[in-house]
Amino acid sequence: MKEILADLKGWQAQGKRIALARVVDIEGSGPRLPGAAMAVNEDGDVAGSVSGGCVEGAVVHEALQCLEDNSRKIVSFGYSDDEAFAVGLTCGGTIHLFLEPLDW
């Protein structure tokens, strides 16, 4: 979370709306541990990572939806080990994320 603070402060100074995604749980293997965070501003700019790249695009979509709806939600992304290998990922597992608009 600390690594995204500079981006958050910059976006706040620009008056940008921001959604925050945080890993709250993992099942099986996962690229990031609970507590990992990613912020997405209203322009689709990203700071941080919750998956090391495997599902970041889908997380951006969900984050922008949270900003549009002013909603909070838990979303899950995952693959079995066999499915992950088939699409070029190194591990299976499921990550559970909590997404919410950041309230300054």
N, C-alpha and C. Protein backbone atom coordinates (compact mmCIF):
# COMPACT_ATOMS: atom_id res chain seq x y z
N MET A 1 0.83 -1.20 0.00
CA MET A 1 0.00 0.00 0.00
C MET A 1 0.87 1.26 0.00
N LYS A 2 1.98 1.21 0.73
CA LYS A 2 2.82 2.41 0.83
C LYS A 2 3.36 2.86 -0.52
N GLU A 3 3.63 1.89 -1.43
CA GLU A 3 4.21 2.26 -2.71
C GLU A 3 3.27 3.06 -3.60
N ILE A 4 1.98 3.09 -3.30
CA ILE A 4 1.04 3.85 -4.14
C ILE A 4 0.68 5.21 -3.53
N LEU A 5 1.20 5.52 -2.36
CA LEU A 5 0.83 6.77 -1.69
C LEU A 5 1.18 8.01 -2.50
N ALA A 6 2.34 8.03 -3.13
CA ALA A 6 2.74 9.21 -3.91
C ALA A 6 1.75 9.44 -5.06
N ASP A 7 1.35 8.36 -5.74
CA ASP A 7 0.36 8.51 -6.81
C ASP A 7 -0.98 8.98 -6.27
N LEU A 8 -1.40 8.42 -5.13
CA LEU A 8 -2.67 8.84 -4.53
C LEU A 8 -2.66 10.32 -4.19
N LYS A 9 -1.56 10.78 -3.59
CA LYS A 9 -1.47 12.20 -3.22
C LYS A 9 -1.51 13.09 -4.47
N GLY A 10 -0.82 12.68 -5.53
CA GLY A 10 -0.83 13.45 -6.77
C GLY A 10 -2.22 13.52 -7.38
N TRP A 11 -2.90 12.37 -7.42
CA TRP A 11 -4.25 12.35 -7.98
C TRP A 11 -5.21 13.16 -7.12
N GLN A 12 -5.02 13.10 -5.80
CA GLN A 12 -5.88 13.89 -4.91
C GLN A 12 -5.68 15.38 -5.19
N ALA A 13 -4.43 15.80 -5.36
CA ALA A 13 -4.14 17.21 -5.65
C ALA A 13 -4.77 17.66 -6.97
N GLN A 14 -4.93 16.73 -7.91
CA GLN A 14 -5.54 17.03 -9.20
C GLN A 14 -7.07 16.92 -9.15
N GLY A 15 -7.62 16.51 -8.01
CA GLY A 15 -9.06 16.37 -7.87
C GLY A 15 -9.63 15.14 -8.55
N LYS A 16 -8.80 14.12 -8.77
CA LYS A 16 -9.24 12.90 -9.44
C LYS A 16 -10.03 12.01 -8.48
N ARG A 17 -11.04 11.34 -9.01
CA ARG A 17 -11.75 10.31 -8.25
C ARG A 17 -10.95 9.02 -8.40
N ILE A 18 -10.93 8.23 -7.33
CA ILE A 18 -10.08 7.04 -7.28
C ILE A 18 -10.84 5.88 -6.67
N ALA A 19 -10.61 4.70 -7.25
CA ALA A 19 -11.10 3.46 -6.65
C ALA A 19 -9.89 2.67 -6.17
N LEU A 20 -10.07 2.01 -5.05
CA LEU A 20 -9.00 1.22 -4.45
C LEU A 20 -9.40 -0.25 -4.44
N ALA A 21 -8.50 -1.11 -4.91
CA ALA A 21 -8.71 -2.56 -4.89
C ALA A 21 -7.67 -3.15 -3.95
N ARG A 22 -8.13 -3.99 -3.02
CA ARG A 22 -7.20 -4.63 -2.08
C ARG A 22 -7.44 -6.13 -2.04
N VAL A 23 -6.34 -6.88 -2.02
CA VAL A 23 -6.45 -8.33 -1.86
C VAL A 23 -6.88 -8.59 -0.43
N VAL A 24 -8.00 -9.31 -0.27
CA VAL A 24 -8.48 -9.64 1.07
C VAL A 24 -8.32 -11.11 1.40
N ASP A 25 -8.15 -11.96 0.37
CA ASP A 25 -7.96 -13.39 0.62
C ASP A 25 -7.42 -14.03 -0.65
N ILE A 26 -6.73 -15.15 -0.47
CA ILE A 26 -6.30 -15.96 -1.61
C ILE A 26 -6.60 -17.42 -1.30
N GLU A 27 -6.91 -18.17 -2.33
CA GLU A 27 -7.09 -19.62 -2.21
C GLU A 27 -6.08 -20.26 -3.14
N GLY A 28 -5.34 -21.22 -2.64
CA GLY A 28 -4.28 -21.81 -3.46
C GLY A 28 -3.13 -20.84 -3.55
N SER A 29 -2.44 -20.86 -4.67
CA SER A 29 -1.32 -19.96 -4.84
C SER A 29 -1.80 -18.65 -5.46
N GLY A 30 -1.11 -17.58 -5.13
CA GLY A 30 -1.47 -16.28 -5.66
C GLY A 30 -0.24 -15.40 -5.76
N PRO A 31 -0.23 -14.47 -6.70
CA PRO A 31 0.94 -13.63 -6.91
C PRO A 31 1.14 -12.56 -5.85
N ARG A 32 0.09 -12.15 -5.16
CA ARG A 32 0.19 -11.10 -4.13
C ARG A 32 -0.55 -11.58 -2.88
N LEU A 33 -0.05 -11.19 -1.75
CA LEU A 33 -0.64 -11.57 -0.47
C LEU A 33 -1.76 -10.60 -0.08
N PRO A 34 -2.64 -11.01 0.84
CA PRO A 34 -3.65 -10.08 1.34
C PRO A 34 -2.99 -8.79 1.83
N GLY A 35 -3.63 -7.68 1.50
CA GLY A 35 -3.09 -6.37 1.82
C GLY A 35 -2.53 -5.66 0.60
N ALA A 36 -2.16 -6.41 -0.44
CA ALA A 36 -1.67 -5.79 -1.67
C ALA A 36 -2.77 -4.88 -2.22
N ALA A 37 -2.37 -3.76 -2.78
CA ALA A 37 -3.36 -2.77 -3.22
C ALA A 37 -3.04 -2.21 -4.60
N MET A 38 -4.09 -1.82 -5.27
CA MET A 38 -3.99 -1.16 -6.57
C MET A 38 -5.02 -0.04 -6.58
N ALA A 39 -4.61 1.12 -7.05
CA ALA A 39 -5.53 2.26 -7.18
C ALA A 39 -5.73 2.56 -8.65
N VAL A 40 -6.95 2.96 -9.00
CA VAL A 40 -7.30 3.31 -10.37
C VAL A 40 -8.01 4.66 -10.32
N ASN A 41 -7.50 5.62 -11.10
CA ASN A 41 -8.21 6.90 -11.10
C ASN A 41 -9.25 6.92 -12.21
N GLU A 42 -10.06 7.95 -12.23
CA GLU A 42 -11.18 8.04 -13.16
C GLU A 42 -10.75 8.01 -14.63
N ASP A 43 -9.48 8.30 -14.90
CA ASP A 43 -8.96 8.26 -16.26
C ASP A 43 -8.44 6.88 -16.65
N GLY A 44 -8.46 5.93 -15.69
CA GLY A 44 -7.95 4.59 -15.95
C GLY A 44 -6.47 4.43 -15.66
N ASP A 45 -5.84 5.45 -15.08
CA ASP A 45 -4.44 5.34 -14.69
C ASP A 45 -4.35 4.44 -13.47
N VAL A 46 -3.27 3.66 -13.37
CA VAL A 46 -3.14 2.63 -12.35
C VAL A 46 -1.87 2.84 -11.54
N ALA A 47 -1.97 2.58 -10.25
CA ALA A 47 -0.81 2.54 -9.35
C ALA A 47 -0.92 1.27 -8.52
N GLY A 48 0.17 0.56 -8.37
CA GLY A 48 0.17 -0.66 -7.58
C GLY A 48 -0.24 -1.87 -8.38
N SER A 49 -0.37 -3.00 -7.68
CA SER A 49 -0.70 -4.26 -8.34
C SER A 49 -1.35 -5.20 -7.34
N VAL A 50 -2.33 -5.95 -7.82
CA VAL A 50 -2.96 -6.97 -6.98
C VAL A 50 -2.73 -8.37 -7.51
N SER A 51 -2.18 -8.47 -8.72
CA SER A 51 -2.03 -9.80 -9.30
C SER A 51 -0.75 -10.00 -10.09
N GLY A 52 0.12 -9.03 -10.13
CA GLY A 52 1.32 -9.19 -10.92
C GLY A 52 1.04 -9.17 -12.41
N GLY A 53 -0.13 -8.72 -12.81
CA GLY A 53 -0.44 -8.57 -14.22
C GLY A 53 -1.49 -9.50 -14.78
N CYS A 54 -1.74 -10.66 -14.13
CA CYS A 54 -2.65 -11.63 -14.75
C CYS A 54 -4.08 -11.12 -14.89
N VAL A 55 -4.60 -10.37 -13.95
CA VAL A 55 -5.99 -9.93 -14.03
C VAL A 55 -6.13 -8.42 -13.87
N GLU A 56 -5.03 -7.70 -14.00
CA GLU A 56 -5.07 -6.26 -13.75
C GLU A 56 -6.09 -5.54 -14.65
N GLY A 57 -6.19 -5.93 -15.92
CA GLY A 57 -7.15 -5.29 -16.82
C GLY A 57 -8.58 -5.45 -16.34
N ALA A 58 -8.91 -6.63 -15.85
CA ALA A 58 -10.26 -6.87 -15.33
C ALA A 58 -10.50 -6.07 -14.06
N VAL A 59 -9.46 -5.90 -13.25
CA VAL A 59 -9.59 -5.13 -12.01
C VAL A 59 -9.82 -3.66 -12.35
N VAL A 60 -9.13 -3.14 -13.36
CA VAL A 60 -9.35 -1.75 -13.79
C VAL A 60 -10.81 -1.57 -14.20
N HIS A 61 -11.34 -2.51 -14.97
CA HIS A 61 -12.75 -2.43 -15.39
C HIS A 61 -13.67 -2.40 -14.17
N GLU A 62 -13.45 -3.29 -13.21
CA GLU A 62 -14.28 -3.34 -12.00
C GLU A 62 -14.14 -2.06 -11.18
N ALA A 63 -12.92 -1.52 -11.10
CA ALA A 63 -12.69 -0.29 -10.34
C ALA A 63 -13.42 0.89 -10.97
N LEU A 64 -13.34 1.00 -12.28
CA LEU A 64 -14.06 2.09 -12.96
C LEU A 64 -15.57 1.96 -12.78
N GLN A 65 -16.06 0.72 -12.74
CA GLN A 65 -17.48 0.49 -12.48
C GLN A 65 -17.85 0.96 -11.07
N CYS A 66 -16.97 0.71 -10.10
CA CYS A 66 -17.22 1.19 -8.73
C CYS A 66 -17.32 2.71 -8.69
N LEU A 67 -16.46 3.38 -9.46
CA LEU A 67 -16.52 4.84 -9.50
C LEU A 67 -17.82 5.31 -10.14
N GLU A 68 -18.22 4.64 -11.20
CA GLU A 68 -19.45 5.02 -11.90
C GLU A 68 -20.68 4.82 -11.02
N ASP A 69 -20.72 3.69 -10.30
CA ASP A 69 -21.87 3.35 -9.46
C ASP A 69 -21.75 3.85 -8.03
N ASN A 70 -20.58 4.35 -7.67
CA ASN A 70 -20.27 4.69 -6.27
C ASN A 70 -20.58 3.49 -5.37
N SER A 71 -20.07 2.32 -5.81
CA SER A 71 -20.38 1.07 -5.10
C SER A 71 -19.12 0.43 -4.52
N ARG A 72 -19.35 -0.46 -3.60
CA ARG A 72 -18.30 -1.28 -3.00
C ARG A 72 -18.64 -2.73 -3.28
N LYS A 73 -17.61 -3.54 -3.54
CA LYS A 73 -17.90 -4.94 -3.83
C LYS A 73 -16.68 -5.82 -3.63
N ILE A 74 -16.95 -7.09 -3.50
CA ILE A 74 -15.90 -8.10 -3.48
C ILE A 74 -15.98 -8.85 -4.80
N VAL A 75 -14.85 -8.98 -5.46
CA VAL A 75 -14.77 -9.73 -6.71
C VAL A 75 -13.68 -10.79 -6.57
N SER A 76 -13.83 -11.86 -7.31
CA SER A 76 -12.87 -12.96 -7.25
C SER A 76 -12.41 -13.30 -8.66
N PHE A 77 -11.13 -13.63 -8.77
CA PHE A 77 -10.54 -14.04 -10.04
C PHE A 77 -9.70 -15.26 -9.76
N GLY A 78 -9.80 -16.26 -10.64
CA GLY A 78 -8.98 -17.43 -10.41
C GLY A 78 -9.00 -18.42 -11.54
N TYR A 79 -8.03 -19.29 -11.50
CA TYR A 79 -7.86 -20.39 -12.46
C TYR A 79 -7.40 -21.61 -11.70
N SER A 80 -7.74 -22.77 -12.20
CA SER A 80 -7.13 -23.99 -11.68
C SER A 80 -5.69 -24.00 -12.19
N ASP A 81 -4.83 -24.82 -11.59
CA ASP A 81 -3.44 -24.89 -12.04
C ASP A 81 -3.36 -25.25 -13.52
N ASP A 82 -4.19 -26.20 -13.99
CA ASP A 82 -4.16 -26.61 -15.39
C ASP A 82 -4.61 -25.48 -16.31
N GLU A 83 -5.68 -24.76 -15.93
CA GLU A 83 -6.15 -23.64 -16.75
C GLU A 83 -5.11 -22.53 -16.79
N ALA A 84 -4.48 -22.26 -15.65
CA ALA A 84 -3.47 -21.21 -15.59
C ALA A 84 -2.32 -21.52 -16.52
N PHE A 85 -1.83 -22.75 -16.47
CA PHE A 85 -0.73 -23.15 -17.33
C PHE A 85 -1.11 -23.03 -18.80
N ALA A 86 -2.34 -23.38 -19.14
CA ALA A 86 -2.80 -23.35 -20.53
C ALA A 86 -2.80 -21.94 -21.10
N VAL A 87 -3.02 -20.92 -20.26
CA VAL A 87 -3.03 -19.54 -20.75
C VAL A 87 -1.72 -18.82 -20.47
N GLY A 88 -0.72 -19.55 -20.02
CA GLY A 88 0.61 -18.97 -19.84
C GLY A 88 0.90 -18.41 -18.47
N LEU A 89 0.04 -18.66 -17.48
CA LEU A 89 0.32 -18.21 -16.13
C LEU A 89 1.10 -19.29 -15.40
N THR A 90 1.85 -18.90 -14.39
CA THR A 90 2.71 -19.86 -13.71
C THR A 90 2.03 -20.56 -12.54
N CYS A 91 0.87 -20.10 -12.13
CA CYS A 91 0.22 -20.73 -10.98
C CYS A 91 -1.29 -20.59 -11.09
N GLY A 92 -1.99 -21.49 -10.41
CA GLY A 92 -3.44 -21.39 -10.31
C GLY A 92 -3.77 -20.64 -9.04
N GLY A 93 -4.98 -20.79 -8.58
CA GLY A 93 -5.39 -20.12 -7.36
C GLY A 93 -6.44 -19.07 -7.64
N THR A 94 -7.02 -18.57 -6.59
CA THR A 94 -8.07 -17.55 -6.69
C THR A 94 -7.71 -16.40 -5.76
N ILE A 95 -7.86 -15.18 -6.27
CA ILE A 95 -7.67 -14.01 -5.41
C ILE A 95 -9.03 -13.34 -5.23
N HIS A 96 -9.27 -12.87 -4.01
CA HIS A 96 -10.50 -12.16 -3.67
C HIS A 96 -10.11 -10.72 -3.35
N LEU A 97 -10.80 -9.79 -4.00
CA LEU A 97 -10.49 -8.37 -3.87
C LEU A 97 -11.69 -7.61 -3.34
N PHE A 98 -11.41 -6.62 -2.51
CA PHE A 98 -12.44 -5.67 -2.08
C PHE A 98 -12.16 -4.38 -2.83
N LEU A 99 -13.16 -3.87 -3.56
CA LEU A 99 -13.03 -2.64 -4.31
C LEU A 99 -13.99 -1.60 -3.75
N GLU A 100 -13.50 -0.36 -3.68
CA GLU A 100 -14.33 0.73 -3.20
C GLU A 100 -13.79 2.05 -3.69
N PRO A 101 -14.68 3.03 -3.88
CA PRO A 101 -14.21 4.39 -4.19
C PRO A 101 -13.48 4.92 -2.96
N LEU A 102 -12.42 5.65 -3.20
CA LEU A 102 -11.67 6.24 -2.09
C LEU A 102 -12.36 7.53 -1.69
N ASP A 103 -12.71 7.64 -0.43
CA ASP A 103 -13.40 8.82 0.08
C ASP A 103 -12.37 9.71 0.77
N TRP A 104 -12.07 10.83 0.14
CA TRP A 104 -11.07 11.73 0.72
C TRP A 104 -11.59 12.32 2.02
